[in-house]
Amino acid sequence: MQMEHYIKLETISLKNHPIINEKWVQQKIENDPSLLGLGDLSVRQSEKVQQSGGRLDMLLQDDASNIRYAVELQLGKTDETHIIRTIEYWDNERKRNQTYNYIAVIIAEDITNRFFNVISLFNGSIPIIAIQLKAIKYKNELGLDFTTILDVITPDEDEEIGEPVDRAYWEKNATKSTVQMTDELLRYIDDFVSGFSLNYRKHYIGLAQNDISRNFVSFVPRKSIMWLHVRLDKNEEIDEIINNSDLEQGAYDRQWKQYRFKLKEKDLINSKDVIISLFEKAYEFFTGKQIEESNT
């Protein structure tokens, strides 16, 4: 076996770089938000002016999960003003538009222990992600590496996110036809396990059993399509099933451990067997119970 060629990489400080600045890094992220490792995101707005003063560096959006990320970037070390600014801008955005679920994101080259001490005081009440940026140099080339060192605390499986709403809320914000798709998908679930009903929340339509949230799958209807979320650990078996299907897949959501699919009405017919198979696997993964042969 031939040994791979060893390349020595050098980590450099961007804060002290004579040419590269924060704006340069920000533009790289805006050109390719996937660099952050947060999924398939789009840039909603950059340098967004805040009513309280200042500008939010970036507002990123995940259309598949109704999540927006209020991102603040700083070269060098985190400091008190950076932390306060990030939380303040996150709070401004979530108050301005309560249709979305907002997460604060702080990016810096050096995430200090003081940052973790401050964040621990909030005891998980503020959803915040900390990403450490490293600039890696090789010869005359420069690469950026983003590593999440503090992630949002994943809620308990039974915890309900977002205030309760009714069906009319979703029919108004999406369409009656895309909301009706959830009825058909619920019937797929009834084919192998009974007792589930739709649970209308502000940010998604989930499932409930005996008035208790049981979201092994959830739905986010839009105007012309619907996002389907299926909670499963990412593995080769599931990936192969999906790759051999006609389903249009979104980025895997590592925070919630779920696959995401962009469904049209025709998919409920053309990919029915695949969808049911994924539902069955998600039910077993979520509950730890095997589906009885007689129910399939």
C-alpha atoms as a PDB file:
ATOM      1  CA  MET A   1       0.000   0.000   0.000  1.00  0.00           C
ATOM      2  CA  GLN A   2       1.450   3.335  -1.049  1.00  0.00           C
ATOM      3  CA  MET A   3       1.726   5.905   1.726  1.00  0.00           C
ATOM      4  CA  GLU A   4      -0.209   9.114   1.123  1.00  0.00           C
ATOM      5  CA  HIS A   5       1.838  12.261   0.644  1.00  0.00           C
ATOM      6  CA  TYR A   6       2.058  14.325   3.828  1.00  0.00           C
ATOM      7  CA  ILE A   7       1.245  18.024   3.564  1.00  0.00           C
ATOM      8  CA  LYS A   8       2.102  20.421   6.357  1.00  0.00           C
ATOM      9  CA  LEU A   9      -0.717  22.895   7.002  1.00  0.00           C
ATOM     10  CA  GLU A  10      -0.318  26.167   8.837  1.00  0.00           C
ATOM     11  CA  THR A  11      -3.035  27.774  10.923  1.00  0.00           C
ATOM     12  CA  ILE A  12      -2.902  31.562  10.751  1.00  0.00           C
ATOM     13  CA  SER A  13      -4.676  34.410  12.512  1.00  0.00           C
ATOM     14  CA  LEU A  14      -7.017  36.353  10.263  1.00  0.00           C
ATOM     15  CA  LYS A  15      -7.376  39.146  12.787  1.00  0.00           C
ATOM     16  CA  ASN A  16      -3.725  39.989  12.300  1.00  0.00           C
ATOM     17  CA  HIS A  17      -3.712  39.368   8.548  1.00  0.00           C
ATOM     18  CA  PRO A  18      -2.528  42.400   6.524  1.00  0.00           C
ATOM     19  CA  ILE A  19      -5.041  41.919   3.693  1.00  0.00           C
ATOM     20  CA  ILE A  20      -7.902  39.586   4.649  1.00  0.00           C
ATOM     21  CA  ASN A  21     -10.583  41.069   6.889  1.00  0.00           C
ATOM     22  CA  GLU A  22     -13.969  40.168   8.392  1.00  0.00           C
ATOM     23  CA  LYS A  23     -15.855  41.309   5.289  1.00  0.00           C
ATOM     24  CA  TRP A  24     -13.851  38.889   3.124  1.00  0.00           C
ATOM     25  CA  VAL A  25     -14.773  35.955   5.371  1.00  0.00           C
ATOM     26  CA  GLN A  26     -18.405  37.068   5.444  1.00  0.00           C
ATOM     27  CA  GLN A  27     -18.545  37.108   1.644  1.00  0.00           C
ATOM     28  CA  LYS A  28     -17.161  33.572   1.497  1.00  0.00           C
ATOM     29  CA  ILE A  29     -19.929  32.390   3.830  1.00  0.00           C
ATOM     30  CA  GLU A  30     -22.607  34.234   1.867  1.00  0.00           C
ATOM     31  CA  ASN A  31     -21.359  32.670  -1.365  1.00  0.00           C
ATOM     32  CA  ASP A  32     -21.555  29.207   0.198  1.00  0.00           C
ATOM     33  CA  PRO A  33     -23.468  29.041   3.533  1.00  0.00           C
ATOM     34  CA  SER A  34     -22.927  25.259   3.646  1.00  0.00           C
ATOM     35  CA  LEU A  35     -19.406  26.059   4.886  1.00  0.00           C
ATOM     36  CA  LEU A  36     -20.906  26.521   8.346  1.00  0.00           C
ATOM     37  CA  GLY A  37     -22.142  22.926   8.488  1.00  0.00           C
ATOM     38  CA  LEU A  38     -25.667  23.960   9.451  1.00  0.00           C
ATOM     39  CA  GLY A  39     -27.417  22.438   6.449  1.00  0.00           C
ATOM     40  CA  ASP A  40     -28.799  23.763   3.195  1.00  0.00           C
ATOM     41  CA  LEU A  41     -29.165  27.478   3.965  1.00  0.00           C
ATOM     42  CA  SER A  42     -29.852  30.569   1.912  1.00  0.00           C
ATOM     43  CA  VAL A  43     -28.891  34.165   2.641  1.00  0.00           C
ATOM     44  CA  ARG A  44     -31.982  36.109   3.652  1.00  0.00           C
ATOM     45  CA  GLN A  45     -30.145  39.387   4.236  1.00  0.00           C
ATOM     46  CA  SER A  46     -26.686  40.664   5.103  1.00  0.00           C
ATOM     47  CA  GLU A  47     -25.696  43.753   7.085  1.00  0.00           C
ATOM     48  CA  LYS A  48     -29.273  44.006   8.330  1.00  0.00           C
ATOM     49  CA  VAL A  49     -29.868  47.289  10.156  1.00  0.00           C
ATOM     50  CA  GLN A  50     -31.194  46.886  13.703  1.00  0.00           C
ATOM     51  CA  GLN A  51     -33.661  49.267  15.313  1.00  0.00           C
ATOM     52  CA  SER A  52     -31.532  49.314  18.445  1.00  0.00           C
ATOM     53  CA  GLY A  53     -28.491  50.303  16.393  1.00  0.00           C
ATOM     54  CA  GLY A  54     -25.821  48.313  14.616  1.00  0.00           C
ATOM     55  CA  ARG A  55     -26.093  45.746  11.839  1.00  0.00           C
ATOM     56  CA  LEU A  56     -26.618  42.001  11.927  1.00  0.00           C
ATOM     57  CA  ASP A  57     -23.839  40.423   9.852  1.00  0.00           C
ATOM     58  CA  MET A  58     -26.000  37.740   8.234  1.00  0.00           C
ATOM     59  CA  LEU A  59     -29.525  36.405   8.454  1.00  0.00           C
ATOM     60  CA  LEU A  60     -29.573  32.864   7.034  1.00  0.00           C
ATOM     61  CA  GLN A  61     -32.669  30.761   6.427  1.00  0.00           C
ATOM     62  CA  ASP A  62     -33.451  27.062   6.232  1.00  0.00           C
ATOM     63  CA  ASP A  63     -36.638  26.813   4.165  1.00  0.00           C
ATOM     64  CA  ALA A  64     -37.067  23.147   4.994  1.00  0.00           C
ATOM     65  CA  SER A  65     -37.366  23.624   8.739  1.00  0.00           C
ATOM     66  CA  ASN A  66     -38.673  27.190   9.149  1.00  0.00           C
ATOM     67  CA  ILE A  67     -35.485  28.170  10.999  1.00  0.00           C
ATOM     68  CA  ARG A  68     -33.550  31.399  10.628  1.00  0.00           C
ATOM     69  CA  TYR A  69     -30.008  31.923  11.904  1.00  0.00           C
ATOM     70  CA  ALA A  70     -28.901  35.330  13.212  1.00  0.00           C
ATOM     71  CA  VAL A  71     -25.161  35.163  12.544  1.00  0.00           C
ATOM     72  CA  GLU A  72     -22.485  37.396  14.049  1.00  0.00           C
ATOM     73  CA  LEU A  73     -18.878  37.027  12.909  1.00  0.00           C
ATOM     74  CA  GLN A  74     -15.779  38.276  14.673  1.00  0.00           C
ATOM     75  CA  LEU A  75     -12.128  37.675  13.903  1.00  0.00           C
ATOM     76  CA  GLY A  76      -9.936  36.955  16.883  1.00  0.00           C
ATOM     77  CA  LYS A  77     -11.390  36.195  20.322  1.00  0.00           C
ATOM     78  CA  THR A  78     -14.969  36.429  21.477  1.00  0.00           C
ATOM     79  CA  ASP A  79     -15.523  39.270  23.899  1.00  0.00           C
ATOM     80  CA  GLU A  80     -18.373  40.643  25.978  1.00  0.00           C
ATOM     81  CA  THR A  81     -19.634  43.029  23.319  1.00  0.00           C
ATOM     82  CA  HIS A  82     -19.658  40.273  20.684  1.00  0.00           C
ATOM     83  CA  ILE A  83     -21.709  37.972  22.930  1.00  0.00           C
ATOM     84  CA  ILE A  84     -24.156  40.707  23.935  1.00  0.00           C
ATOM     85  CA  ARG A  85     -24.523  41.893  20.342  1.00  0.00           C
ATOM     86  CA  THR A  86     -25.265  38.376  19.093  1.00  0.00           C
ATOM     87  CA  ILE A  87     -27.966  37.784  21.703  1.00  0.00           C
ATOM     88  CA  GLU A  88     -29.464  41.246  21.237  1.00  0.00           C
ATOM     89  CA  TYR A  89     -29.749  40.880  17.455  1.00  0.00           C
ATOM     90  CA  TRP A  90     -31.227  37.373  17.840  1.00  0.00           C
ATOM     91  CA  ASP A  91     -33.835  38.791  20.214  1.00  0.00           C
ATOM     92  CA  ASN A  92     -34.635  41.652  17.834  1.00  0.00           C
ATOM     93  CA  GLU A  93     -35.186  39.284  14.910  1.00  0.00           C
ATOM     94  CA  ARG A  94     -37.406  36.806  16.747  1.00  0.00           C
ATOM     95  CA  LYS A  95     -39.604  39.636  18.052  1.00  0.00           C
ATOM     96  CA  ARG A  96     -39.828  41.216  14.612  1.00  0.00           C
ATOM     97  CA  ASN A  97     -41.097  38.100  12.835  1.00  0.00           C
ATOM     98  CA  GLN A  98     -42.567  35.345  14.976  1.00  0.00           C
ATOM     99  CA  THR A  99     -43.394  33.169  11.969  1.00  0.00           C
ATOM    100  CA  TYR A 100     -39.895  31.696  12.151  1.00  0.00           C
ATOM    101  CA  ASN A 101     -37.851  29.937  14.795  1.00  0.00           C
ATOM    102  CA  TYR A 102     -34.615  31.899  15.347  1.00  0.00           C
ATOM    103  CA  ILE A 103     -31.218  30.609  16.459  1.00  0.00           C
ATOM    104  CA  ALA A 104     -28.266  32.820  17.401  1.00  0.00           C
ATOM    105  CA  VAL A 105     -24.914  31.925  15.821  1.00  0.00           C
ATOM    106  CA  ILE A 106     -21.615  33.324  17.034  1.00  0.00           C
ATOM    107  CA  ILE A 107     -18.486  32.768  14.917  1.00  0.00           C
ATOM    108  CA  ALA A 108     -14.970  33.602  16.080  1.00  0.00           C
ATOM    109  CA  GLU A 109     -11.419  32.354  15.714  1.00  0.00           C
ATOM    110  CA  ASP A 110     -11.110  31.834  19.450  1.00  0.00           C
ATOM    111  CA  ILE A 111     -14.171  30.869  21.535  1.00  0.00           C
ATOM    112  CA  THR A 112     -13.002  31.646  25.068  1.00  0.00           C
ATOM    113  CA  ASN A 113     -13.902  29.841  28.285  1.00  0.00           C
ATOM    114  CA  ARG A 114     -15.576  33.040  29.444  1.00  0.00           C
ATOM    115  CA  PHE A 115     -18.070  32.646  26.604  1.00  0.00           C
ATOM    116  CA  PHE A 116     -19.075  29.201  27.849  1.00  0.00           C
ATOM    117  CA  ASN A 117     -19.390  30.520  31.395  1.00  0.00           C
ATOM    118  CA  VAL A 118     -21.725  33.303  30.253  1.00  0.00           C
ATOM    119  CA  ILE A 119     -23.844  31.027  28.053  1.00  0.00           C
ATOM    120  CA  SER A 120     -24.215  28.476  30.861  1.00  0.00           C
ATOM    121  CA  LEU A 121     -25.995  31.144  32.915  1.00  0.00           C
ATOM    122  CA  PHE A 122     -28.861  31.103  30.431  1.00  0.00           C
ATOM    123  CA  ASN A 123     -29.350  27.373  31.058  1.00  0.00           C
ATOM    124  CA  GLY A 124     -30.432  26.603  27.504  1.00  0.00           C
ATOM    125  CA  SER A 125     -33.098  29.336  27.367  1.00  0.00           C
ATOM    126  CA  ILE A 126     -31.337  31.008  24.423  1.00  0.00           C
ATOM    127  CA  PRO A 127     -30.801  28.781  21.376  1.00  0.00           C
ATOM    128  CA  ILE A 128     -27.227  29.561  20.411  1.00  0.00           C
ATOM    129  CA  ILE A 129     -24.571  27.885  18.298  1.00  0.00           C
ATOM    130  CA  ALA A 130     -20.869  28.663  18.660  1.00  0.00           C
ATOM    131  CA  ILE A 131     -18.627  28.023  15.639  1.00  0.00           C
ATOM    132  CA  GLN A 132     -14.858  28.246  15.750  1.00  0.00           C
ATOM    133  CA  LEU A 133     -13.183  29.505  12.589  1.00  0.00           C
ATOM    134  CA  LYS A 134      -9.726  28.409  11.554  1.00  0.00           C
ATOM    135  CA  ALA A 135      -7.810  29.760   8.591  1.00  0.00           C
ATOM    136  CA  ILE A 136      -5.475  27.143   7.149  1.00  0.00           C
ATOM    137  CA  LYS A 137      -2.643  28.121   4.829  1.00  0.00           C
ATOM    138  CA  TYR A 138      -0.759  25.893   2.407  1.00  0.00           C
ATOM    139  CA  LYS A 139       1.811  27.597   0.194  1.00  0.00           C
ATOM    140  CA  ASN A 140      -0.110  30.519  -1.325  1.00  0.00           C
ATOM    141  CA  GLU A 141      -3.552  29.019  -0.799  1.00  0.00           C
ATOM    142  CA  LEU A 142      -5.924  29.652   2.081  1.00  0.00           C
ATOM    143  CA  GLY A 143      -8.797  27.527   3.351  1.00  0.00           C
ATOM    144  CA  LEU A 144     -11.459  28.157   5.987  1.00  0.00           C
ATOM    145  CA  ASP A 145     -12.538  25.511   8.465  1.00  0.00           C
ATOM    146  CA  PHE A 146     -15.692  25.979  10.584  1.00  0.00           C
ATOM    147  CA  THR A 147     -16.207  23.700  13.584  1.00  0.00           C
ATOM    148  CA  THR A 148     -19.303  23.753  15.794  1.00  0.00           C
ATOM    149  CA  ILE A 149     -18.123  23.600  19.400  1.00  0.00           C
ATOM    150  CA  LEU A 150     -21.457  24.460  21.018  1.00  0.00           C
ATOM    151  CA  ASP A 151     -24.716  23.278  19.503  1.00  0.00           C
ATOM    152  CA  VAL A 152     -28.322  24.047  20.320  1.00  0.00           C
ATOM    153  CA  ILE A 153     -29.642  21.761  23.022  1.00  0.00           C
ATOM    154  CA  THR A 154     -32.022  19.321  21.342  1.00  0.00           C
ATOM    155  CA  PRO A 155     -35.377  19.307  23.132  1.00  0.00           C
ATOM    156  CA  ASP A 156     -36.752  16.132  24.643  1.00  0.00           C
ATOM    157  CA  GLU A 157     -38.561  13.946  22.143  1.00  0.00           C
ATOM    158  CA  ASP A 158     -41.964  14.714  23.679  1.00  0.00           C
ATOM    159  CA  GLU A 159     -41.418  18.471  23.969  1.00  0.00           C
ATOM    160  CA  GLU A 160     -43.636  20.573  21.740  1.00  0.00           C
ATOM    161  CA  ILE A 161     -42.007  23.490  19.925  1.00  0.00           C
ATOM    162  CA  GLY A 162     -44.070  26.534  19.028  1.00  0.00           C
ATOM    163  CA  GLU A 163     -47.480  27.576  20.231  1.00  0.00           C
ATOM    164  CA  PRO A 164     -50.539  25.544  19.185  1.00  0.00           C
ATOM    165  CA  VAL A 165     -52.532  26.739  16.170  1.00  0.00           C
ATOM    166  CA  ASP A 166     -55.405  25.298  14.145  1.00  0.00           C
ATOM    167  CA  ARG A 167     -55.789  23.910  10.653  1.00  0.00           C
ATOM    168  CA  ALA A 168     -57.069  27.243   9.344  1.00  0.00           C
ATOM    169  CA  TYR A 169     -53.735  28.853  10.307  1.00  0.00           C
ATOM    170  CA  TRP A 170     -51.843  26.476   8.014  1.00  0.00           C
ATOM    171  CA  GLU A 171     -54.384  26.710   5.209  1.00  0.00           C
ATOM    172  CA  LYS A 172     -53.894  30.483   5.286  1.00  0.00           C
ATOM    173  CA  ASN A 173     -50.094  30.402   5.453  1.00  0.00           C
ATOM    174  CA  ALA A 174     -49.739  27.534   2.970  1.00  0.00           C
ATOM    175  CA  THR A 175     -52.667  26.246   0.855  1.00  0.00           C
ATOM    176  CA  LYS A 176     -55.556  23.873   1.447  1.00  0.00           C
ATOM    177  CA  SER A 177     -54.095  21.417  -1.054  1.00  0.00           C
ATOM    178  CA  THR A 178     -50.665  21.187   0.618  1.00  0.00           C
ATOM    179  CA  VAL A 179     -52.291  20.867   4.043  1.00  0.00           C
ATOM    180  CA  GLN A 180     -54.478  18.070   2.665  1.00  0.00           C
ATOM    181  CA  MET A 181     -51.286  16.197   1.823  1.00  0.00           C
ATOM    182  CA  THR A 182     -50.759  15.733   5.564  1.00  0.00           C
ATOM    183  CA  ASP A 183     -54.129  13.937   5.751  1.00  0.00           C
ATOM    184  CA  GLU A 184     -52.995  11.412   3.160  1.00  0.00           C
ATOM    185  CA  LEU A 185     -49.645  10.897   4.901  1.00  0.00           C
ATOM    186  CA  LEU A 186     -51.449  10.341   8.185  1.00  0.00           C
ATOM    187  CA  ARG A 187     -53.436   7.581   6.472  1.00  0.00           C
ATOM    188  CA  TYR A 188     -50.125   5.963   5.507  1.00  0.00           C
ATOM    189  CA  ILE A 189     -49.239   5.880   9.203  1.00  0.00           C
ATOM    190  CA  ASP A 190     -52.648   4.440  10.089  1.00  0.00           C
ATOM    191  CA  ASP A 191     -51.834   1.507   7.814  1.00  0.00           C
ATOM    192  CA  PHE A 192     -49.233   0.199  10.263  1.00  0.00           C
ATOM    193  CA  VAL A 193     -50.032   1.826  13.634  1.00  0.00           C
ATOM    194  CA  SER A 194     -53.238   3.392  14.916  1.00  0.00           C
ATOM    195  CA  GLY A 195     -54.068   6.199  17.319  1.00  0.00           C
ATOM    196  CA  PHE A 196     -52.138   9.110  15.784  1.00  0.00           C
ATOM    197  CA  SER A 197     -53.584  12.498  14.908  1.00  0.00           C
ATOM    198  CA  LEU A 198     -52.229  15.724  13.430  1.00  0.00           C
ATOM    199  CA  ASN A 199     -50.873  18.222  15.933  1.00  0.00           C
ATOM    200  CA  TYR A 200     -50.941  21.779  14.541  1.00  0.00           C
ATOM    201  CA  ARG A 201     -48.066  23.900  15.853  1.00  0.00           C
ATOM    202  CA  LYS A 202     -46.877  27.322  14.724  1.00  0.00           C
ATOM    203  CA  HIS A 203     -43.729  26.116  12.976  1.00  0.00           C
ATOM    204  CA  TYR A 204     -44.813  22.662  11.806  1.00  0.00           C
ATOM    205  CA  ILE A 205     -47.579  20.067  11.827  1.00  0.00           C
ATOM    206  CA  GLY A 206     -46.574  17.172  14.032  1.00  0.00           C
ATOM    207  CA  LEU A 207     -48.148  14.010  15.385  1.00  0.00           C
ATOM    208  CA  ALA A 208     -49.864  13.311  18.682  1.00  0.00           C
ATOM    209  CA  GLN A 209     -50.997  10.105  20.342  1.00  0.00           C
ATOM    210  CA  ASN A 210     -53.335  10.308  23.340  1.00  0.00           C
ATOM    211  CA  ASP A 211     -52.728  14.091  23.350  1.00  0.00           C
ATOM    212  CA  ILE A 212     -48.958  13.566  23.708  1.00  0.00           C
ATOM    213  CA  SER A 213     -46.504  14.759  21.055  1.00  0.00           C
ATOM    214  CA  ARG A 214     -44.926  11.878  19.107  1.00  0.00           C
ATOM    215  CA  ASN A 215     -43.069  13.478  16.236  1.00  0.00           C
ATOM    216  CA  PHE A 216     -41.317  10.633  14.468  1.00  0.00           C
ATOM    217  CA  VAL A 217     -42.413  12.487  11.338  1.00  0.00           C
ATOM    218  CA  SER A 218     -43.543  16.100  10.892  1.00  0.00           C
ATOM    219  CA  PHE A 219     -44.736  18.337   8.076  1.00  0.00           C
ATOM    220  CA  VAL A 220     -44.186  21.932   6.933  1.00  0.00           C
ATOM    221  CA  PRO A 221     -46.692  22.823   4.177  1.00  0.00           C
ATOM    222  CA  ARG A 222     -45.802  25.612   1.754  1.00  0.00           C
ATOM    223  CA  LYS A 223     -47.644  27.232  -1.135  1.00  0.00           C
ATOM    224  CA  SER A 224     -46.820  24.656  -3.808  1.00  0.00           C
ATOM    225  CA  ILE A 225     -44.897  21.908  -1.968  1.00  0.00           C
ATOM    226  CA  MET A 226     -44.602  20.383   1.465  1.00  0.00           C
ATOM    227  CA  TRP A 227     -41.479  19.644   3.467  1.00  0.00           C
ATOM    228  CA  LEU A 228     -41.569  16.199   5.045  1.00  0.00           C
ATOM    229  CA  HIS A 229     -39.282  15.519   8.021  1.00  0.00           C
ATOM    230  CA  VAL A 230     -38.553  11.899   8.961  1.00  0.00           C
ATOM    231  CA  ARG A 231     -36.642  11.311  12.197  1.00  0.00           C
ATOM    232  CA  LEU A 232     -33.934   8.707  11.651  1.00  0.00           C
ATOM    233  CA  ASP A 233     -30.228   8.342  12.291  1.00  0.00           C
ATOM    234  CA  LYS A 234     -28.352   8.918   9.064  1.00  0.00           C
ATOM    235  CA  ASN A 235     -26.957   5.617   7.785  1.00  0.00           C
ATOM    236  CA  GLU A 236     -26.059   3.840   4.561  1.00  0.00           C
ATOM    237  CA  GLU A 237     -29.183   1.661   4.501  1.00  0.00           C
ATOM    238  CA  ILE A 238     -31.524   4.658   4.597  1.00  0.00           C
ATOM    239  CA  ASP A 239     -29.362   6.598   2.143  1.00  0.00           C
ATOM    240  CA  GLU A 240     -29.554   3.729  -0.349  1.00  0.00           C
ATOM    241  CA  ILE A 241     -33.355   3.548  -0.072  1.00  0.00           C
ATOM    242  CA  ILE A 242     -33.597   7.280  -0.739  1.00  0.00           C
ATOM    243  CA  ASN A 243     -31.049   7.296  -3.564  1.00  0.00           C
ATOM    244  CA  ASN A 244     -32.983   4.555  -5.342  1.00  0.00           C
ATOM    245  CA  SER A 245     -36.223   6.530  -5.081  1.00  0.00           C
ATOM    246  CA  ASP A 246     -37.602   9.560  -6.901  1.00  0.00           C
ATOM    247  CA  LEU A 247     -37.887  11.631  -3.721  1.00  0.00           C
ATOM    248  CA  GLU A 248     -36.277  15.074  -3.763  1.00  0.00           C
ATOM    249  CA  GLN A 249     -34.095  15.196  -0.673  1.00  0.00           C
ATOM    250  CA  GLY A 250     -32.990  18.240   1.291  1.00  0.00           C
ATOM    251  CA  ALA A 251     -29.964  18.451   3.578  1.00  0.00           C
ATOM    252  CA  TYR A 252     -29.945  16.073   6.546  1.00  0.00           C
ATOM    253  CA  ASP A 253     -30.793  17.869   9.799  1.00  0.00           C
ATOM    254  CA  ARG A 254     -28.157  16.720  12.275  1.00  0.00           C
ATOM    255  CA  GLN A 255     -29.602  18.722  15.157  1.00  0.00           C
ATOM    256  CA  TRP A 256     -32.977  16.970  15.045  1.00  0.00           C
ATOM    257  CA  LYS A 257     -31.673  13.748  13.483  1.00  0.00           C
ATOM    258  CA  GLN A 258     -34.073  13.817  10.570  1.00  0.00           C
ATOM    259  CA  TYR A 259     -34.154  13.394   6.832  1.00  0.00           C
ATOM    260  CA  ARG A 260     -35.990  16.112   4.895  1.00  0.00           C
ATOM    261  CA  PHE A 261     -37.872  15.791   1.645  1.00  0.00           C
ATOM    262  CA  LYS A 262     -39.508  18.275  -0.684  1.00  0.00           C
ATOM    263  CA  LEU A 263     -42.831  16.677  -1.633  1.00  0.00           C
ATOM    264  CA  LYS A 264     -45.294  17.406  -4.391  1.00  0.00           C
ATOM    265  CA  GLU A 265     -48.725  15.797  -4.635  1.00  0.00           C
ATOM    266  CA  LYS A 266     -47.537  13.346  -7.294  1.00  0.00           C
ATOM    267  CA  ASP A 267     -44.895  12.004  -4.866  1.00  0.00           C
ATOM    268  CA  LEU A 268     -47.627  10.669  -2.583  1.00  0.00           C
ATOM    269  CA  ILE A 269     -48.603   8.316  -5.402  1.00  0.00           C
ATOM    270  CA  ASN A 270     -45.321   7.675  -7.193  1.00  0.00           C
ATOM    271  CA  SER A 271     -43.247   7.172  -4.022  1.00  0.00           C
ATOM    272  CA  LYS A 272     -45.911   5.849  -1.653  1.00  0.00           C
ATOM    273  CA  ASP A 273     -44.128   2.574  -0.845  1.00  0.00           C
ATOM    274  CA  VAL A 274     -40.837   4.328  -0.111  1.00  0.00           C
ATOM    275  CA  ILE A 275     -42.543   6.906   2.119  1.00  0.00           C
ATOM    276  CA  ILE A 276     -44.349   4.206   4.098  1.00  0.00           C
ATOM    277  CA  SER A 277     -41.102   2.258   4.506  1.00  0.00           C
ATOM    278  CA  LEU A 278     -39.361   5.367   5.875  1.00  0.00           C
ATOM    279  CA  PHE A 279     -42.314   6.038   8.201  1.00  0.00           C
ATOM    280  CA  GLU A 280     -42.123   2.499   9.589  1.00  0.00           C
ATOM    281  CA  LYS A 281     -38.387   2.775  10.209  1.00  0.00           C
ATOM    282  CA  ALA A 282     -38.840   6.197  11.845  1.00  0.00           C
ATOM    283  CA  TYR A 283     -41.566   4.838  14.138  1.00  0.00           C
ATOM    284  CA  GLU A 284     -39.325   1.979  15.255  1.00  0.00           C
ATOM    285  CA  PHE A 285     -36.358   4.341  15.703  1.00  0.00           C
ATOM    286  CA  PHE A 286     -38.405   6.857  17.696  1.00  0.00           C
ATOM    287  CA  THR A 287     -40.350   4.448  19.914  1.00  0.00           C
ATOM    288  CA  GLY A 288     -38.001   1.478  20.093  1.00  0.00           C
ATOM    289  CA  LYS A 289     -40.970  -0.756  19.222  1.00  0.00           C
ATOM    290  CA  GLN A 290     -41.138  -3.243  16.380  1.00  0.00           C
ATOM    291  CA  ILE A 291     -44.118  -2.992  14.062  1.00  0.00           C
ATOM    292  CA  GLU A 292     -46.298  -6.072  14.353  1.00  0.00           C
ATOM    293  CA  GLU A 293     -46.594  -8.216  11.231  1.00  0.00           C
ATOM    294  CA  SER A 294     -50.391  -8.102  11.376  1.00  0.00           C
ATOM    295  CA  ASN A 295     -50.396  -4.293  11.119  1.00  0.00           C
ATOM    296  CA  THR A 296     -48.303  -4.056   7.969  1.00  0.00           C
END
